[in-house]
Amino acid sequence: MNEFTINLRRVLLLERTLENGGNTTCPLHRPETTVDAHIQVENDSRDHHLHVRFGPYTGSITLRRGDSTKYMSLRDFLQDVANGRTEAGQQTQRAIALMEALDCVSGVLPQGLRAYITPTTNREHPFGTVVTNDQGEIRATAYGSCKDTLAEAVRTKLGHPTEGHGEHP
């Protein structure tokens, strides 16, 4: 399974921010991408109050200052949000998938064309795209089951053959 994770070294850096308060950025990794969690910590005499932002999505958690497992609780919370195991995390997962689809489709477009990506209600084809030129005229529309099938559908509709399948002698 390709889930976002935080390495142990990063957890130790979170410890310092937890104790002192302030802001930090914590990258979460998975094989195909990295996303930054922006963390703001406010402390009082009893608790750490954390506000976390992944792009436009936010979450918050309160941890007890004396709890010896608070660092791991923070790590678990961040991973849960990033991996869609909370409502905010599900929104984050969708946003990341849409960004990755946009990058993939944009990579197959000729100069002067722009892609717009949207989620669909179709479970078999959850991604949709509209490709326009600089004047806003629609040049292609497509649906895909993943970022790669969406990019291939756009490439086909624009009349560009798939690369690397024996078309060269």
N, C-alpha and C. Protein backbone atom coordinates (compact mmCIF):
# COMPACT_ATOMS: atom_id res chain seq x y z
N MET A 1 0.84 -1.17 0.00
CA MET A 1 0.00 0.00 0.00
C MET A 1 0.88 1.24 0.00
N ASN A 2 0.54 2.24 -0.80
CA ASN A 2 1.33 3.46 -0.90
C ASN A 2 0.74 4.54 -0.02
N GLU A 3 1.11 4.53 1.25
CA GLU A 3 0.59 5.52 2.18
C GLU A 3 1.65 6.55 2.50
N PHE A 4 1.18 7.75 2.87
CA PHE A 4 2.09 8.77 3.34
C PHE A 4 2.64 8.36 4.70
N THR A 5 3.93 8.60 4.89
CA THR A 5 4.59 8.28 6.16
C THR A 5 5.49 9.44 6.56
N ILE A 6 5.81 9.47 7.84
CA ILE A 6 6.76 10.44 8.39
C ILE A 6 7.89 9.63 9.00
N ASN A 7 9.13 9.96 8.62
CA ASN A 7 10.24 9.18 9.16
C ASN A 7 10.56 9.58 10.60
N LEU A 8 11.29 8.72 11.29
CA LEU A 8 11.58 8.90 12.72
C LEU A 8 12.33 10.20 12.99
N ARG A 9 13.26 10.54 12.13
CA ARG A 9 14.02 11.78 12.30
C ARG A 9 13.09 12.99 12.34
N ARG A 10 12.09 12.98 11.46
CA ARG A 10 11.13 14.08 11.41
C ARG A 10 10.29 14.13 12.69
N VAL A 11 9.96 12.99 13.24
CA VAL A 11 9.19 12.95 14.49
C VAL A 11 9.99 13.62 15.60
N LEU A 12 11.30 13.40 15.65
CA LEU A 12 12.13 14.03 16.66
C LEU A 12 12.16 15.55 16.48
N LEU A 13 12.12 16.03 15.25
CA LEU A 13 12.04 17.47 15.01
C LEU A 13 10.68 18.01 15.46
N LEU A 14 9.64 17.22 15.34
CA LEU A 14 8.33 17.62 15.83
C LEU A 14 8.33 17.78 17.34
N GLU A 15 9.12 16.96 18.02
CA GLU A 15 9.21 17.02 19.47
C GLU A 15 9.65 18.40 19.93
N ARG A 16 10.65 18.96 19.29
CA ARG A 16 11.16 20.28 19.67
C ARG A 16 10.09 21.35 19.44
N THR A 17 9.38 21.29 18.33
CA THR A 17 8.33 22.27 18.06
C THR A 17 7.19 22.12 19.06
N LEU A 18 6.87 20.89 19.42
CA LEU A 18 5.82 20.67 20.42
C LEU A 18 6.19 21.34 21.74
N GLU A 19 7.40 21.14 22.19
CA GLU A 19 7.81 21.67 23.49
C GLU A 19 7.95 23.18 23.50
N ASN A 20 8.43 23.76 22.39
CA ASN A 20 8.70 25.19 22.35
C ASN A 20 7.58 26.01 21.72
N GLY A 21 6.66 25.35 21.00
CA GLY A 21 5.63 26.07 20.28
C GLY A 21 6.18 26.63 18.98
N GLY A 22 5.33 27.27 18.21
CA GLY A 22 5.76 27.88 16.96
C GLY A 22 5.22 27.14 15.74
N ASN A 23 5.87 27.36 14.62
CA ASN A 23 5.45 26.80 13.34
C ASN A 23 6.54 25.92 12.75
N THR A 24 6.12 24.90 12.03
CA THR A 24 7.06 24.04 11.32
C THR A 24 6.37 23.43 10.11
N THR A 25 7.16 22.93 9.22
CA THR A 25 6.67 22.19 8.05
C THR A 25 7.20 20.79 8.14
N CYS A 26 6.33 19.83 7.93
CA CYS A 26 6.70 18.43 8.04
C CYS A 26 6.33 17.70 6.75
N PRO A 27 7.31 17.25 5.96
CA PRO A 27 6.98 16.52 4.75
C PRO A 27 6.52 15.09 5.04
N LEU A 28 5.47 14.67 4.36
CA LEU A 28 5.00 13.30 4.41
C LEU A 28 5.28 12.71 3.04
N HIS A 29 5.84 11.50 3.01
CA HIS A 29 6.28 10.91 1.75
C HIS A 29 5.50 9.64 1.43
N ARG A 30 5.35 9.42 0.14
CA ARG A 30 4.98 8.12 -0.40
C ARG A 30 5.73 8.00 -1.70
N PRO A 31 5.84 6.82 -2.28
CA PRO A 31 6.74 6.65 -3.40
C PRO A 31 6.57 7.65 -4.55
N GLU A 32 5.34 8.04 -4.87
CA GLU A 32 5.16 8.88 -6.04
C GLU A 32 5.06 10.37 -5.75
N THR A 33 4.98 10.77 -4.48
CA THR A 33 4.84 12.20 -4.19
C THR A 33 5.16 12.50 -2.74
N THR A 34 5.30 13.79 -2.47
CA THR A 34 5.50 14.29 -1.11
C THR A 34 4.52 15.44 -0.90
N VAL A 35 3.96 15.53 0.29
CA VAL A 35 3.07 16.64 0.63
C VAL A 35 3.54 17.21 1.96
N ASP A 36 3.50 18.53 2.09
CA ASP A 36 3.94 19.18 3.31
C ASP A 36 2.76 19.44 4.24
N ALA A 37 2.94 19.11 5.49
CA ALA A 37 2.01 19.48 6.55
C ALA A 37 2.58 20.73 7.21
N HIS A 38 1.79 21.78 7.26
CA HIS A 38 2.20 23.01 7.94
C HIS A 38 1.56 22.98 9.32
N ILE A 39 2.40 23.02 10.33
CA ILE A 39 1.94 22.80 11.71
C ILE A 39 2.19 24.06 12.54
N GLN A 40 1.16 24.49 13.25
CA GLN A 40 1.27 25.61 14.18
C GLN A 40 0.97 25.07 15.57
N VAL A 41 1.88 25.33 16.51
CA VAL A 41 1.73 24.82 17.88
C VAL A 41 1.60 26.00 18.84
N GLU A 42 0.55 25.97 19.65
CA GLU A 42 0.36 26.94 20.72
C GLU A 42 0.30 26.14 22.02
N ASN A 43 1.08 26.55 22.99
CA ASN A 43 1.16 25.82 24.26
C ASN A 43 0.52 26.63 25.39
N ASP A 44 -0.06 25.92 26.31
CA ASP A 44 -0.43 26.51 27.59
C ASP A 44 0.19 25.63 28.66
N SER A 45 -0.13 25.85 29.92
CA SER A 45 0.54 25.10 30.99
C SER A 45 0.17 23.62 30.99
N ARG A 46 -0.92 23.24 30.36
CA ARG A 46 -1.38 21.85 30.41
C ARG A 46 -1.34 21.13 29.07
N ASP A 47 -1.55 21.85 27.95
CA ASP A 47 -1.73 21.21 26.65
C ASP A 47 -0.91 21.86 25.55
N HIS A 48 -0.75 21.08 24.48
CA HIS A 48 -0.25 21.57 23.20
C HIS A 48 -1.46 21.62 22.28
N HIS A 49 -1.71 22.76 21.67
CA HIS A 49 -2.82 22.91 20.72
C HIS A 49 -2.21 23.04 19.33
N LEU A 50 -2.52 22.09 18.47
CA LEU A 50 -1.92 22.07 17.15
C LEU A 50 -2.97 22.29 16.06
N HIS A 51 -2.59 23.10 15.09
CA HIS A 51 -3.39 23.31 13.90
C HIS A 51 -2.53 22.85 12.73
N VAL A 52 -3.08 21.98 11.90
CA VAL A 52 -2.32 21.39 10.81
C VAL A 52 -3.01 21.75 9.49
N ARG A 53 -2.21 22.11 8.48
CA ARG A 53 -2.76 22.45 7.17
C ARG A 53 -2.04 21.63 6.10
N PHE A 54 -2.82 20.94 5.28
CA PHE A 54 -2.33 20.25 4.08
C PHE A 54 -2.98 20.96 2.91
N GLY A 55 -2.27 21.89 2.28
CA GLY A 55 -2.91 22.67 1.22
C GLY A 55 -4.10 23.40 1.78
N PRO A 56 -5.28 23.28 1.17
CA PRO A 56 -6.45 24.01 1.67
C PRO A 56 -7.16 23.31 2.83
N TYR A 57 -6.73 22.13 3.23
CA TYR A 57 -7.41 21.37 4.27
C TYR A 57 -6.69 21.49 5.60
N THR A 58 -7.48 21.54 6.65
CA THR A 58 -6.91 21.73 7.98
C THR A 58 -7.45 20.70 8.96
N GLY A 59 -6.73 20.53 10.04
CA GLY A 59 -7.16 19.67 11.13
C GLY A 59 -6.53 20.20 12.40
N SER A 60 -7.07 19.79 13.53
CA SER A 60 -6.48 20.22 14.79
C SER A 60 -6.53 19.08 15.79
N ILE A 61 -5.62 19.15 16.72
CA ILE A 61 -5.53 18.14 17.77
C ILE A 61 -4.95 18.82 19.01
N THR A 62 -5.38 18.36 20.17
CA THR A 62 -4.82 18.83 21.43
C THR A 62 -4.16 17.64 22.11
N LEU A 63 -2.91 17.85 22.52
CA LEU A 63 -2.14 16.80 23.18
C LEU A 63 -1.74 17.29 24.57
N ARG A 64 -1.75 16.40 25.54
CA ARG A 64 -1.33 16.72 26.91
C ARG A 64 0.18 16.89 26.97
N ARG A 65 0.63 17.90 27.69
CA ARG A 65 2.07 18.16 27.79
C ARG A 65 2.81 17.00 28.45
N GLY A 66 2.26 16.37 29.45
CA GLY A 66 2.96 15.31 30.18
C GLY A 66 2.82 13.93 29.58
N ASP A 67 2.11 13.78 28.49
CA ASP A 67 1.87 12.47 27.88
C ASP A 67 3.13 12.02 27.13
N SER A 68 3.69 10.90 27.53
CA SER A 68 4.93 10.41 26.91
C SER A 68 4.71 9.91 25.49
N THR A 69 3.46 9.69 25.08
CA THR A 69 3.19 9.20 23.72
C THR A 69 2.71 10.30 22.78
N LYS A 70 2.78 11.55 23.21
CA LYS A 70 2.23 12.64 22.40
C LYS A 70 2.92 12.79 21.04
N TYR A 71 4.19 12.47 20.96
CA TYR A 71 4.90 12.61 19.68
C TYR A 71 4.40 11.58 18.68
N MET A 72 4.17 10.39 19.17
CA MET A 72 3.63 9.35 18.29
C MET A 72 2.17 9.63 17.96
N SER A 73 1.43 10.22 18.90
CA SER A 73 0.04 10.59 18.63
C SER A 73 -0.02 11.63 17.52
N LEU A 74 0.90 12.59 17.57
CA LEU A 74 0.95 13.60 16.51
C LEU A 74 1.29 12.96 15.18
N ARG A 75 2.28 12.08 15.19
CA ARG A 75 2.66 11.39 13.97
C ARG A 75 1.48 10.60 13.40
N ASP A 76 0.79 9.87 14.25
CA ASP A 76 -0.37 9.09 13.80
C ASP A 76 -1.46 10.00 13.25
N PHE A 77 -1.70 11.13 13.92
CA PHE A 77 -2.72 12.07 13.47
C PHE A 77 -2.37 12.60 12.07
N LEU A 78 -1.13 13.03 11.87
CA LEU A 78 -0.71 13.55 10.57
C LEU A 78 -0.86 12.49 9.48
N GLN A 79 -0.41 11.28 9.77
CA GLN A 79 -0.52 10.20 8.79
C GLN A 79 -1.98 9.84 8.52
N ASP A 80 -2.81 9.85 9.55
CA ASP A 80 -4.24 9.56 9.35
C ASP A 80 -4.89 10.59 8.44
N VAL A 81 -4.61 11.87 8.67
CA VAL A 81 -5.20 12.91 7.83
C VAL A 81 -4.69 12.77 6.39
N ALA A 82 -3.39 12.64 6.23
CA ALA A 82 -2.81 12.55 4.88
C ALA A 82 -3.26 11.31 4.12
N ASN A 83 -3.54 10.22 4.83
CA ASN A 83 -3.92 8.96 4.18
C ASN A 83 -5.42 8.74 4.12
N GLY A 84 -6.19 9.77 4.44
CA GLY A 84 -7.62 9.70 4.25
C GLY A 84 -8.37 8.91 5.30
N ARG A 85 -7.78 8.75 6.47
CA ARG A 85 -8.47 8.00 7.52
C ARG A 85 -9.30 8.90 8.43
N THR A 86 -9.42 10.17 8.05
CA THR A 86 -10.32 11.12 8.71
C THR A 86 -11.06 11.86 7.61
N GLU A 87 -12.10 12.58 7.98
CA GLU A 87 -12.85 13.33 6.96
C GLU A 87 -11.94 14.33 6.26
N ALA A 88 -11.13 15.05 7.04
CA ALA A 88 -10.20 16.01 6.44
C ALA A 88 -9.19 15.28 5.56
N GLY A 89 -8.77 14.11 5.99
CA GLY A 89 -7.80 13.33 5.21
C GLY A 89 -8.38 12.85 3.90
N GLN A 90 -9.66 12.50 3.88
CA GLN A 90 -10.28 12.07 2.63
C GLN A 90 -10.30 13.22 1.63
N GLN A 91 -10.56 14.43 2.12
CA GLN A 91 -10.52 15.60 1.24
C GLN A 91 -9.10 15.84 0.74
N THR A 92 -8.11 15.66 1.64
CA THR A 92 -6.72 15.84 1.24
C THR A 92 -6.32 14.82 0.18
N GLN A 93 -6.71 13.56 0.36
CA GLN A 93 -6.39 12.52 -0.62
C GLN A 93 -6.97 12.87 -1.99
N ARG A 94 -8.22 13.33 -2.01
CA ARG A 94 -8.85 13.71 -3.28
C ARG A 94 -8.10 14.87 -3.92
N ALA A 95 -7.73 15.86 -3.11
CA ALA A 95 -7.01 17.01 -3.64
C ALA A 95 -5.66 16.61 -4.21
N ILE A 96 -4.96 15.74 -3.52
CA ILE A 96 -3.65 15.28 -4.00
C ILE A 96 -3.81 14.48 -5.28
N ALA A 97 -4.81 13.61 -5.35
CA ALA A 97 -5.05 12.82 -6.56
C ALA A 97 -5.37 13.73 -7.74
N LEU A 98 -6.13 14.78 -7.51
CA LEU A 98 -6.45 15.72 -8.59
C LEU A 98 -5.21 16.48 -9.04
N MET A 99 -4.36 16.89 -8.09
CA MET A 99 -3.12 17.59 -8.46
C MET A 99 -2.21 16.68 -9.27
N GLU A 100 -2.09 15.42 -8.86
CA GLU A 100 -1.26 14.47 -9.59
C GLU A 100 -1.82 14.23 -10.99
N ALA A 101 -3.15 14.14 -11.12
CA ALA A 101 -3.77 13.95 -12.43
C ALA A 101 -3.51 15.16 -13.31
N LEU A 102 -3.60 16.37 -12.76
CA LEU A 102 -3.33 17.57 -13.53
C LEU A 102 -1.89 17.58 -14.03
N ASP A 103 -0.94 17.24 -13.18
CA ASP A 103 0.47 17.18 -13.59
C ASP A 103 0.67 16.17 -14.71
N CYS A 104 0.04 15.01 -14.58
CA CYS A 104 0.21 13.95 -15.57
C CYS A 104 -0.39 14.36 -16.92
N VAL A 105 -1.59 14.90 -16.91
CA VAL A 105 -2.23 15.33 -18.16
C VAL A 105 -1.47 16.50 -18.77
N SER A 106 -1.05 17.46 -17.95
CA SER A 106 -0.31 18.61 -18.46
C SER A 106 0.99 18.17 -19.14
N GLY A 107 1.55 17.07 -18.68
CA GLY A 107 2.79 16.55 -19.26
C GLY A 107 2.64 16.02 -20.68
N VAL A 108 1.42 15.73 -21.12
CA VAL A 108 1.22 15.22 -22.48
C VAL A 108 0.67 16.28 -23.42
N LEU A 109 0.45 17.49 -22.93
CA LEU A 109 -0.15 18.53 -23.76
C LEU A 109 0.89 19.27 -24.58
N PRO A 110 0.55 19.56 -25.83
CA PRO A 110 1.43 20.43 -26.63
C PRO A 110 1.37 21.87 -26.10
N GLN A 111 2.34 22.66 -26.50
CA GLN A 111 2.40 24.08 -26.13
C GLN A 111 1.09 24.76 -26.51
N GLY A 112 0.61 25.64 -25.64
CA GLY A 112 -0.59 26.42 -25.95
C GLY A 112 -1.89 25.80 -25.48
N LEU A 113 -1.85 24.59 -24.92
CA LEU A 113 -3.06 23.96 -24.40
C LEU A 113 -2.98 23.88 -22.88
N ARG A 114 -4.14 23.92 -22.25
CA ARG A 114 -4.22 23.89 -20.78
C ARG A 114 -5.30 22.90 -20.38
N ALA A 115 -5.02 22.12 -19.33
CA ALA A 115 -5.97 21.13 -18.82
C ALA A 115 -6.62 21.64 -17.54
N TYR A 116 -7.88 21.29 -17.39
CA TYR A 116 -8.63 21.53 -16.17
C TYR A 116 -9.14 20.17 -15.70
N ILE A 117 -8.85 19.82 -14.46
CA ILE A 117 -9.20 18.51 -13.92
C ILE A 117 -10.37 18.67 -12.95
N THR A 118 -11.25 17.68 -12.96
CA THR A 118 -12.38 17.70 -12.04
C THR A 118 -12.69 16.28 -11.57
N PRO A 119 -13.16 16.14 -10.33
CA PRO A 119 -13.62 14.81 -9.91
C PRO A 119 -14.97 14.54 -10.57
N THR A 120 -15.30 13.27 -10.74
CA THR A 120 -16.60 12.89 -11.28
C THR A 120 -17.34 12.07 -10.24
N THR A 121 -18.58 11.76 -10.53
CA THR A 121 -19.36 10.90 -9.63
C THR A 121 -19.30 9.45 -10.06
N ASN A 122 -18.59 9.16 -11.14
CA ASN A 122 -18.47 7.81 -11.68
C ASN A 122 -17.31 7.10 -10.98
N ARG A 123 -17.60 6.04 -10.23
CA ARG A 123 -16.55 5.32 -9.49
C ARG A 123 -15.52 4.67 -10.41
N GLU A 124 -15.92 4.25 -11.59
CA GLU A 124 -15.00 3.61 -12.53
C GLU A 124 -14.10 4.62 -13.23
N HIS A 125 -14.56 5.86 -13.36
CA HIS A 125 -13.78 6.93 -13.99
C HIS A 125 -13.88 8.18 -13.12
N PRO A 126 -13.13 8.21 -12.01
CA PRO A 126 -13.28 9.30 -11.05
C PRO A 126 -12.65 10.63 -11.47
N PHE A 127 -11.90 10.64 -12.58
CA PHE A 127 -11.25 11.86 -13.04
C PHE A 127 -11.81 12.30 -14.38
N GLY A 128 -12.01 13.59 -14.51
CA GLY A 128 -12.42 14.16 -15.79
C GLY A 128 -11.52 15.33 -16.11
N THR A 129 -11.39 15.65 -17.39
CA THR A 129 -10.59 16.79 -17.79
C THR A 129 -11.20 17.47 -19.00
N VAL A 130 -10.97 18.75 -19.07
CA VAL A 130 -11.30 19.55 -20.24
C VAL A 130 -9.99 20.22 -20.64
N VAL A 131 -9.66 20.12 -21.92
CA VAL A 131 -8.44 20.74 -22.43
C VAL A 131 -8.86 21.89 -23.34
N THR A 132 -8.29 23.08 -23.06
CA THR A 132 -8.60 24.25 -23.87
C THR A 132 -7.32 24.85 -24.45
N ASN A 133 -7.51 25.68 -25.48
CA ASN A 133 -6.37 26.44 -25.99
C ASN A 133 -6.32 27.78 -25.25
N ASP A 134 -5.40 28.65 -25.67
CA ASP A 134 -5.23 29.93 -24.97
C ASP A 134 -6.44 30.85 -25.12
N GLN A 135 -7.28 30.61 -26.10
CA GLN A 135 -8.49 31.42 -26.30
C GLN A 135 -9.69 30.83 -25.54
N GLY A 136 -9.50 29.73 -24.83
CA GLY A 136 -10.57 29.11 -24.07
C GLY A 136 -11.44 28.16 -24.86
N GLU A 137 -11.05 27.86 -26.08
CA GLU A 137 -11.82 26.92 -26.90
C GLU A 137 -11.50 25.49 -26.49
N ILE A 138 -12.52 24.67 -26.33
CA ILE A 138 -12.33 23.29 -25.90
C ILE A 138 -11.70 22.48 -27.03
N ARG A 139 -10.62 21.79 -26.72
CA ARG A 139 -9.91 20.96 -27.70
C ARG A 139 -10.10 19.47 -27.42
N ALA A 140 -10.39 19.11 -26.16
CA ALA A 140 -10.62 17.70 -25.82
C ALA A 140 -11.27 17.61 -24.45
N THR A 141 -12.04 16.55 -24.27
CA THR A 141 -12.56 16.18 -22.95
C THR A 141 -12.29 14.70 -22.78
N ALA A 142 -12.10 14.28 -21.56
CA ALA A 142 -11.83 12.86 -21.32
C ALA A 142 -12.12 12.50 -19.87
N TYR A 143 -12.32 11.21 -19.66
CA TYR A 143 -12.49 10.63 -18.33
C TYR A 143 -11.46 9.53 -18.17
N GLY A 144 -11.07 9.27 -16.91
CA GLY A 144 -10.10 8.21 -16.67
C GLY A 144 -10.26 7.58 -15.31
N SER A 145 -9.77 6.35 -15.21
CA SER A 145 -9.82 5.62 -13.94
C SER A 145 -8.66 6.00 -13.02
N CYS A 146 -7.60 6.57 -13.60
CA CYS A 146 -6.45 7.04 -12.83
C CYS A 146 -5.76 8.12 -13.65
N LYS A 147 -4.74 8.74 -13.09
CA LYS A 147 -4.06 9.82 -13.78
C LYS A 147 -3.46 9.36 -15.11
N ASP A 148 -2.95 8.13 -15.15
CA ASP A 148 -2.31 7.64 -16.37
C ASP A 148 -3.32 7.37 -17.48
N THR A 149 -4.46 6.77 -17.14
CA THR A 149 -5.47 6.52 -18.18
C THR A 149 -6.09 7.83 -18.65
N LEU A 150 -6.19 8.80 -17.77
CA LEU A 150 -6.70 10.11 -18.16
C LEU A 150 -5.73 10.78 -19.14
N ALA A 151 -4.45 10.74 -18.83
CA ALA A 151 -3.45 11.33 -19.73
C ALA A 151 -3.44 10.62 -21.08
N GLU A 152 -3.55 9.31 -21.08
CA GLU A 152 -3.57 8.56 -22.33
C GLU A 152 -4.81 8.88 -23.15
N ALA A 153 -5.95 9.04 -22.48
CA ALA A 153 -7.18 9.40 -23.20
C ALA A 153 -7.05 10.78 -23.84
N VAL A 154 -6.43 11.73 -23.15
CA VAL A 154 -6.21 13.06 -23.72
C VAL A 154 -5.25 12.99 -24.89
N ARG A 155 -4.17 12.24 -24.73
CA ARG A 155 -3.19 12.10 -25.81
C ARG A 155 -3.87 11.52 -27.06
N THR A 156 -4.70 10.51 -26.89
CA THR A 156 -5.41 9.88 -28.01
C THR A 156 -6.37 10.86 -28.67
N LYS A 157 -7.13 11.59 -27.87
CA LYS A 157 -8.11 12.53 -28.42
C LYS A 157 -7.44 13.69 -29.16
N LEU A 158 -6.24 14.04 -28.74
CA LEU A 158 -5.51 15.10 -29.43
C LEU A 158 -4.75 14.58 -30.65
N GLY A 159 -4.79 13.26 -30.87
CA GLY A 159 -4.15 12.68 -32.04
C GLY A 159 -2.67 12.43 -31.91
N HIS A 160 -2.20 12.29 -30.68
CA HIS A 160 -0.78 12.00 -30.45
C HIS A 160 -0.65 10.52 -30.09
N PRO A 161 0.13 9.74 -30.85
CA PRO A 161 0.27 8.32 -30.54
C PRO A 161 1.03 8.12 -29.24
N THR A 162 0.76 6.99 -28.60
CA THR A 162 1.49 6.62 -27.40
C THR A 162 2.95 6.39 -27.75
N GLU A 163 3.84 6.93 -26.93
CA GLU A 163 5.27 6.78 -27.17
C GLU A 163 5.76 5.44 -26.67
N GLY A 164 6.79 4.92 -27.33
CA GLY A 164 7.47 3.72 -26.84
C GLY A 164 6.79 2.41 -27.17
N HIS A 165 5.94 2.37 -28.19
CA HIS A 165 5.27 1.14 -28.55
C HIS A 165 5.60 0.68 -29.97
N GLY A 166 6.86 0.87 -30.36
CA GLY A 166 7.31 0.33 -31.63
C GLY A 166 7.02 1.20 -32.84
N GLU A 167 6.66 2.48 -32.61
CA GLU A 167 6.36 3.30 -33.77
C GLU A 167 7.61 3.77 -34.50
N HIS A 168 8.77 3.60 -33.88
CA HIS A 168 10.03 3.98 -34.52
C HIS A 168 10.72 2.74 -35.05
N PRO A 169 11.35 2.83 -36.24
CA PRO A 169 12.00 1.64 -36.80
C PRO A 169 13.19 1.18 -36.00
